[in-house]
């Protein structure tokens, strides 16, 4: 039995209108579409699509959103994009 995720992208913590717009540019309009994506791939594709180097924090927001898409019960701390910034910086 498949459980339907009724959350909208904008419902995810740390995801605002600009991120929703960026994801739509990449063809992602639902939480279900985001679930199996790779944050680094999305970030690099966004930079290619727009022809500009986006702030690296955009990657952190993508990682945060993907984690929430995969786990609706993610710990509150991990729902904040800066948690993912710390992880990225620790992992080099």
C-alpha atoms as a PDB file:
ATOM      1  CA  UNK A   1       0.000   0.000   0.000  1.00  0.00           C
ATOM      2  CA  UNK A   2       1.404   3.378  -1.026  1.00  0.00           C
ATOM      3  CA  UNK A   3       0.865   6.332   1.274  1.00  0.00           C
ATOM      4  CA  UNK A   4       0.114   9.555  -0.590  1.00  0.00           C
ATOM      5  CA  UNK A   5       2.070  12.584   0.539  1.00  0.00           C
ATOM      6  CA  UNK A   6      -0.272  15.559   0.484  1.00  0.00           C
ATOM      7  CA  UNK A   7       2.360  18.126   1.471  1.00  0.00           C
ATOM      8  CA  UNK A   8       3.209  20.862  -0.997  1.00  0.00           C
ATOM      9  CA  UNK A   9       6.791  21.969  -1.581  1.00  0.00           C
ATOM     10  CA  UNK A  10       6.033  25.273   0.141  1.00  0.00           C
ATOM     11  CA  UNK A  11       4.938  23.295   3.227  1.00  0.00           C
ATOM     12  CA  UNK A  12       8.494  22.052   3.769  1.00  0.00           C
ATOM     13  CA  UNK A  13      10.484  23.971   6.364  1.00  0.00           C
ATOM     14  CA  UNK A  14      13.171  26.217   4.823  1.00  0.00           C
ATOM     15  CA  UNK A  15      11.459  26.125   1.406  1.00  0.00           C
ATOM     16  CA  UNK A  16      10.177  29.495   0.270  1.00  0.00           C
ATOM     17  CA  UNK A  17       8.750  30.854  -2.972  1.00  0.00           C
ATOM     18  CA  UNK A  18      12.188  31.265  -4.591  1.00  0.00           C
ATOM     19  CA  UNK A  19      13.065  27.615  -3.954  1.00  0.00           C
ATOM     20  CA  UNK A  20       9.683  26.484  -5.253  1.00  0.00           C
ATOM     21  CA  UNK A  21      10.380  28.499  -8.419  1.00  0.00           C
ATOM     22  CA  UNK A  22      13.885  27.014  -8.757  1.00  0.00           C
ATOM     23  CA  UNK A  23      12.537  23.487  -8.343  1.00  0.00           C
ATOM     24  CA  UNK A  24       9.795  24.130 -10.912  1.00  0.00           C
ATOM     25  CA  UNK A  25      12.477  25.272 -13.362  1.00  0.00           C
ATOM     26  CA  UNK A  26      14.036  21.830 -12.836  1.00  0.00           C
ATOM     27  CA  UNK A  27      10.701  20.083 -13.431  1.00  0.00           C
ATOM     28  CA  UNK A  28       9.923  19.372  -9.779  1.00  0.00           C
ATOM     29  CA  UNK A  29       6.514  20.510  -8.600  1.00  0.00           C
ATOM     30  CA  UNK A  30       5.604  17.938  -5.929  1.00  0.00           C
ATOM     31  CA  UNK A  31       7.145  16.504  -2.782  1.00  0.00           C
ATOM     32  CA  UNK A  32       6.918  13.028  -4.332  1.00  0.00           C
ATOM     33  CA  UNK A  33       9.032  14.158  -7.311  1.00  0.00           C
ATOM     34  CA  UNK A  34      11.656  15.530  -4.929  1.00  0.00           C
ATOM     35  CA  UNK A  35      11.959  12.396  -2.797  1.00  0.00           C
ATOM     36  CA  UNK A  36      14.471  10.479  -4.922  1.00  0.00           C
ATOM     37  CA  UNK A  37      16.515  13.405  -6.188  1.00  0.00           C
ATOM     38  CA  UNK A  38      20.122  14.280  -5.464  1.00  0.00           C
ATOM     39  CA  UNK A  39      20.728  17.744  -4.013  1.00  0.00           C
ATOM     40  CA  UNK A  40      24.111  18.277  -5.670  1.00  0.00           C
ATOM     41  CA  UNK A  41      22.698  17.276  -9.044  1.00  0.00           C
ATOM     42  CA  UNK A  42      19.775  19.685  -8.641  1.00  0.00           C
ATOM     43  CA  UNK A  43      22.127  22.494  -7.627  1.00  0.00           C
ATOM     44  CA  UNK A  44      24.436  21.958 -10.612  1.00  0.00           C
ATOM     45  CA  UNK A  45      21.479  21.699 -12.991  1.00  0.00           C
ATOM     46  CA  UNK A  46      20.036  24.938 -11.610  1.00  0.00           C
ATOM     47  CA  UNK A  47      23.327  26.731 -12.228  1.00  0.00           C
ATOM     48  CA  UNK A  48      23.437  25.370 -15.789  1.00  0.00           C
ATOM     49  CA  UNK A  49      19.791  26.199 -16.516  1.00  0.00           C
ATOM     50  CA  UNK A  50      20.088  29.787 -15.319  1.00  0.00           C
ATOM     51  CA  UNK A  51      23.630  30.387 -16.563  1.00  0.00           C
ATOM     52  CA  UNK A  52      24.754  31.682 -13.180  1.00  0.00           C
ATOM     53  CA  UNK A  53      26.516  30.379 -10.107  1.00  0.00           C
ATOM     54  CA  UNK A  54      23.932  30.310  -7.326  1.00  0.00           C
ATOM     55  CA  UNK A  55      24.833  30.759  -3.682  1.00  0.00           C
ATOM     56  CA  UNK A  56      25.989  27.419  -2.250  1.00  0.00           C
ATOM     57  CA  UNK A  57      23.300  27.757   0.427  1.00  0.00           C
ATOM     58  CA  UNK A  58      20.847  26.864  -2.337  1.00  0.00           C
ATOM     59  CA  UNK A  59      22.398  23.378  -2.251  1.00  0.00           C
ATOM     60  CA  UNK A  60      21.775  23.241   1.493  1.00  0.00           C
ATOM     61  CA  UNK A  61      18.119  24.162   0.997  1.00  0.00           C
ATOM     62  CA  UNK A  62      17.784  21.431  -1.647  1.00  0.00           C
ATOM     63  CA  UNK A  63      19.355  18.874   0.713  1.00  0.00           C
ATOM     64  CA  UNK A  64      17.021  19.981   3.487  1.00  0.00           C
ATOM     65  CA  UNK A  65      13.944  19.725   1.264  1.00  0.00           C
ATOM     66  CA  UNK A  66      14.946  16.295  -0.048  1.00  0.00           C
ATOM     67  CA  UNK A  67      15.480  14.990   3.492  1.00  0.00           C
ATOM     68  CA  UNK A  68      11.989  16.180   4.467  1.00  0.00           C
ATOM     69  CA  UNK A  69      10.480  14.687   1.324  1.00  0.00           C
ATOM     70  CA  UNK A  70      11.994  11.336   2.255  1.00  0.00           C
ATOM     71  CA  UNK A  71      11.051  11.499   5.937  1.00  0.00           C
ATOM     72  CA  UNK A  72       7.997  13.480   7.053  1.00  0.00           C
ATOM     73  CA  UNK A  73       9.054  12.833  10.661  1.00  0.00           C
ATOM     74  CA  UNK A  74      12.549  14.250  10.269  1.00  0.00           C
ATOM     75  CA  UNK A  75      13.887  15.739  13.523  1.00  0.00           C
ATOM     76  CA  UNK A  76      13.115  19.455  13.752  1.00  0.00           C
ATOM     77  CA  UNK A  77      16.804  20.434  13.695  1.00  0.00           C
ATOM     78  CA  UNK A  78      17.266  18.725  10.329  1.00  0.00           C
ATOM     79  CA  UNK A  79      14.383  20.702   8.824  1.00  0.00           C
ATOM     80  CA  UNK A  80      16.515  23.856   8.911  1.00  0.00           C
ATOM     81  CA  UNK A  81      18.746  24.542   5.908  1.00  0.00           C
ATOM     82  CA  UNK A  82      21.647  25.617   8.139  1.00  0.00           C
ATOM     83  CA  UNK A  83      21.833  22.084   9.573  1.00  0.00           C
ATOM     84  CA  UNK A  84      22.693  20.955   6.045  1.00  0.00           C
ATOM     85  CA  UNK A  85      25.230  23.791   5.682  1.00  0.00           C
ATOM     86  CA  UNK A  86      27.033  22.460   8.755  1.00  0.00           C
ATOM     87  CA  UNK A  87      26.958  18.914   7.328  1.00  0.00           C
ATOM     88  CA  UNK A  88      28.364  20.100   3.978  1.00  0.00           C
ATOM     89  CA  UNK A  89      31.152  22.062   5.665  1.00  0.00           C
ATOM     90  CA  UNK A  90      32.075  19.132   7.939  1.00  0.00           C
ATOM     91  CA  UNK A  91      32.226  16.733   4.985  1.00  0.00           C
ATOM     92  CA  UNK A  92      34.501  19.000   3.009  1.00  0.00           C
END
